[in-house]
C-alpha atoms as a PDB file:
ATOM      1  CA  MET A   1      -4.598   8.170  10.513  1.00  0.00           C
ATOM      2  CA  LYS A   2      -4.493   9.539   6.988  1.00  0.00           C
ATOM      3  CA  VAL A   3      -5.736  12.785   5.502  1.00  0.00           C
ATOM      4  CA  TYR A   4      -7.233  12.470   2.033  1.00  0.00           C
ATOM      5  CA  VAL A   5      -6.033  14.977  -0.572  1.00  0.00           C
ATOM      6  CA  LYS A   6      -7.773  16.362  -3.652  1.00  0.00           C
ATOM      7  CA  SER A   7      -5.761  18.248  -6.284  1.00  0.00           C
ATOM      8  CA  GLN A   8      -6.643  21.730  -7.492  1.00  0.00           C
ATOM      9  CA  SER A   9      -8.234  20.157 -10.572  1.00  0.00           C
ATOM     10  CA  GLY A  10     -10.359  17.794  -8.431  1.00  0.00           C
ATOM     11  CA  LYS A  11      -8.423  14.525  -8.815  1.00  0.00           C
ATOM     12  CA  TRP A  12      -7.889  12.428  -5.678  1.00  0.00           C
ATOM     13  CA  LEU A  13      -4.208  12.074  -4.792  1.00  0.00           C
ATOM     14  CA  MET A  14      -2.303   9.901  -2.342  1.00  0.00           C
ATOM     15  CA  PRO A  15      -3.227  10.554   1.321  1.00  0.00           C
ATOM     16  CA  THR A  16      -0.908  12.478   3.611  1.00  0.00           C
ATOM     17  CA  ASN A  17      -0.396  12.498   7.354  1.00  0.00           C
ATOM     18  CA  PRO A  18      -2.084  14.948   9.749  1.00  0.00           C
ATOM     19  CA  ALA A  19       1.157  16.872  10.416  1.00  0.00           C
ATOM     20  CA  ASN A  20       1.573  17.742   6.725  1.00  0.00           C
ATOM     21  CA  ALA A  21      -2.093  18.716   6.515  1.00  0.00           C
ATOM     22  CA  ARG A  22      -1.724  21.045   9.528  1.00  0.00           C
ATOM     23  CA  ILE A  23       1.281  22.753   7.956  1.00  0.00           C
ATOM     24  CA  LEU A  24      -0.561  23.271   4.669  1.00  0.00           C
ATOM     25  CA  LEU A  25      -3.635  24.589   6.514  1.00  0.00           C
ATOM     26  CA  LYS A  26      -1.558  27.098   8.504  1.00  0.00           C
ATOM     27  CA  LYS A  27       0.087  28.332   5.291  1.00  0.00           C
ATOM     28  CA  GLY A  28      -3.313  28.724   3.617  1.00  0.00           C
ATOM     29  CA  LYS A  29      -2.417  26.299   0.818  1.00  0.00           C
ATOM     30  CA  VAL A  30      -5.415  23.999   1.376  1.00  0.00           C
ATOM     31  CA  ARG A  31      -9.012  24.132   2.513  1.00  0.00           C
ATOM     32  CA  VAL A  32     -10.944  21.504   4.414  1.00  0.00           C
ATOM     33  CA  ILE A  33     -13.610  19.839   2.269  1.00  0.00           C
ATOM     34  CA  GLN A  34     -14.688  17.091   4.661  1.00  0.00           C
ATOM     35  CA  ARG A  35     -14.184  16.346   8.348  1.00  0.00           C
ATOM     36  CA  THR A  36     -15.082  12.635   8.499  1.00  0.00           C
ATOM     37  CA  PRO A  37     -12.958  11.217   6.995  1.00  0.00           C
ATOM     38  CA  PHE A  38     -10.766  14.297   7.019  1.00  0.00           C
ATOM     39  CA  ALA A  39     -10.051  15.548   3.497  1.00  0.00           C
ATOM     40  CA  ILE A  40      -8.357  18.649   2.107  1.00  0.00           C
ATOM     41  CA  HIS A  41      -8.421  20.387  -1.271  1.00  0.00           C
ATOM     42  CA  LEU A  42      -5.150  21.849  -2.591  1.00  0.00           C
ATOM     43  CA  LEU A  43      -5.261  25.508  -3.617  1.00  0.00           C
ATOM     44  CA  TYR A  44      -2.082  25.303  -5.711  1.00  0.00           C
ATOM     45  CA  GLU A  45      -0.889  23.413  -8.795  1.00  0.00           C
ATOM     46  CA  THR A  46       0.894  20.118  -8.214  1.00  0.00           C
ATOM     47  CA  THR A  47       1.728  16.965 -10.091  1.00  0.00           C
ATOM     48  CA  GLU A  48      -1.017  14.373 -10.015  1.00  0.00           C
ATOM     49  CA  HIS A  49       1.115  11.266  -9.653  1.00  0.00           C
ATOM     50  CA  VAL A  50      -0.449   8.410  -7.714  1.00  0.00           C
ATOM     51  CA  GLN A  51       0.902   5.017  -6.676  1.00  0.00           C
ATOM     52  CA  PRO A  52      -0.746   1.673  -7.399  1.00  0.00           C
ATOM     53  CA  VAL A  53      -2.754   0.550  -4.382  1.00  0.00           C
ATOM     54  CA  SER A  54      -3.972  -2.876  -3.334  1.00  0.00           C
ATOM     55  CA  VAL A  55      -7.324  -3.040  -1.519  1.00  0.00           C
ATOM     56  CA  GLY A  56      -8.209  -5.756   0.944  1.00  0.00           C
ATOM     57  CA  ILE A  57     -11.654  -6.407   2.421  1.00  0.00           C
ATOM     58  CA  ASP A  58     -12.357  -8.612   5.440  1.00  0.00           C
ATOM     59  CA  ASP A  59     -16.072  -9.311   5.775  1.00  0.00           C
ATOM     60  CA  GLY A  60     -15.964 -10.507   9.352  1.00  0.00           C
ATOM     61  CA  GLY A  61     -18.902 -11.802  11.351  1.00  0.00           C
ATOM     62  CA  ILE A  62     -19.655  -8.486  13.064  1.00  0.00           C
ATOM     63  CA  HIS A  63     -17.486  -5.809  11.441  1.00  0.00           C
ATOM     64  CA  VAL A  64     -16.220  -5.245   7.924  1.00  0.00           C
ATOM     65  CA  GLY A  65     -12.581  -4.225   7.605  1.00  0.00           C
ATOM     66  CA  ILE A  66     -11.133  -2.430   4.603  1.00  0.00           C
ATOM     67  CA  ALA A  67      -7.453  -1.680   3.981  1.00  0.00           C
ATOM     68  CA  ALA A  68      -5.687   0.081   1.138  1.00  0.00           C
ATOM     69  CA  VAL A  69      -1.955  -0.488   0.920  1.00  0.00           C
ATOM     70  CA  SER A  70       0.589   0.963  -1.461  1.00  0.00           C
ATOM     71  CA  ILE A  71       1.953  -1.798  -3.672  1.00  0.00           C
ATOM     72  CA  PHE A  72       5.513  -0.738  -2.714  1.00  0.00           C
ATOM     73  CA  LYS A  73       4.757  -1.561   0.924  1.00  0.00           C
ATOM     74  CA  ILE A  74       3.912  -5.077  -0.235  1.00  0.00           C
ATOM     75  CA  GLN A  75       6.677  -5.448  -2.822  1.00  0.00           C
ATOM     76  CA  TRP A  76       9.592  -4.437  -0.601  1.00  0.00           C
ATOM     77  CA  PRO A  77       9.122  -7.185   2.054  1.00  0.00           C
ATOM     78  CA  ILE A  78       8.541  -9.761  -0.690  1.00  0.00           C
ATOM     79  CA  TYR A  79      11.740  -8.662  -2.411  1.00  0.00           C
ATOM     80  CA  LYS A  80      13.708  -8.898   0.854  1.00  0.00           C
ATOM     81  CA  ILE A  81      12.364 -12.407   1.556  1.00  0.00           C
ATOM     82  CA  ARG A  82      13.168 -13.479  -1.998  1.00  0.00           C
ATOM     83  CA  GLN A  83      16.767 -12.314  -1.519  1.00  0.00           C
ATOM     84  CA  THR A  84      17.325 -13.840   1.941  1.00  0.00           C
ATOM     85  CA  GLU A  85      14.920 -16.626   2.979  1.00  0.00           C
ATOM     86  CA  TYR A  86      13.843 -17.985  -0.409  1.00  0.00           C
ATOM     87  CA  PRO A  87      17.223 -19.519  -1.405  1.00  0.00           C
ATOM     88  CA  VAL A  88      17.491 -21.344   1.923  1.00  0.00           C
ATOM     89  CA  ILE A  89      13.974 -22.754   1.766  1.00  0.00           C
ATOM     90  CA  LEU A  90      14.336 -23.598  -1.929  1.00  0.00           C
ATOM     91  CA  GLU A  91      17.374 -25.697  -1.066  1.00  0.00           C
ATOM     92  CA  LYS A  92      15.317 -27.573   1.551  1.00  0.00           C
ATOM     93  CA  ALA A  93      12.476 -28.075  -0.957  1.00  0.00           C
ATOM     94  CA  GLU A  94      14.900 -29.481  -3.519  1.00  0.00           C
ATOM     95  CA  ALA A  95      16.141 -31.861  -0.822  1.00  0.00           C
ATOM     96  CA  GLY A  96      12.591 -33.218  -0.526  1.00  0.00           C
ATOM     97  CA  GLU A  97      11.124 -31.401   2.488  1.00  0.00           C
ATOM     98  CA  GLU A  98       7.357 -31.265   1.953  1.00  0.00           C
ATOM     99  CA  ASP A  99       6.715 -28.179   4.146  1.00  0.00           C
ATOM    100  CA  ALA A 100       9.442 -26.269   2.351  1.00  0.00           C
ATOM    101  CA  GLN A 101       7.881 -27.124  -1.022  1.00  0.00           C
ATOM    102  CA  LYS A 102       4.475 -25.887   0.185  1.00  0.00           C
ATOM    103  CA  TRP A 103       6.083 -22.636   1.352  1.00  0.00           C
ATOM    104  CA  ILE A 104       7.799 -22.226  -2.052  1.00  0.00           C
ATOM    105  CA  ASP A 105       4.472 -22.805  -3.849  1.00  0.00           C
ATOM    106  CA  HIS A 106       2.645 -20.222  -1.712  1.00  0.00           C
ATOM    107  CA  PHE A 107       5.449 -17.687  -1.962  1.00  0.00           C
ATOM    108  CA  THR A 108       5.659 -18.096  -5.747  1.00  0.00           C
ATOM    109  CA  SER A 109       1.917 -17.511  -6.004  1.00  0.00           C
ATOM    110  CA  LEU A 110       2.234 -14.368  -3.885  1.00  0.00           C
ATOM    111  CA  CYS A 111       5.117 -13.084  -6.016  1.00  0.00           C
ATOM    112  CA  ASN A 112       3.134 -13.658  -9.206  1.00  0.00           C
ATOM    113  CA  ASN A 113       0.358 -11.436  -7.818  1.00  0.00           C
ATOM    114  CA  TYR A 114       2.446  -8.553  -6.498  1.00  0.00           C
ATOM    115  CA  LEU A 115       5.779  -8.377  -8.295  1.00  0.00           C
ATOM    116  CA  PRO A 116       6.298  -7.353 -11.889  1.00  0.00           C
ATOM    117  CA  VAL A 117       7.427 -10.072 -14.271  1.00  0.00           C
ATOM    118  CA  GLN A 118      11.196  -9.992 -14.711  1.00  0.00           C
END
């Protein structure tokens, strides 16, 4: 569960976890502005840095699912795969394995969407 955070100036910031929100509430540094979903308003000055976020929507047959994920949470696993698995599979693709080439094509497409150009 996440707690949504609004800065003193009214700008929405990155969400926090309930434990941090409880601590801030006990110290009197925030006030509750909404209970569902739970949101707090900071009563002190802070930086207003936010991270890029990717939003995904699944319009299923019965329910609609929405997810917001920090780009870093996507980039880090991609980076790790590119450093470890990619060279091995690339070698197989260069040797003519069709499945390996398909994997390389899909992975390259994914990297182009989520990783900065180097």
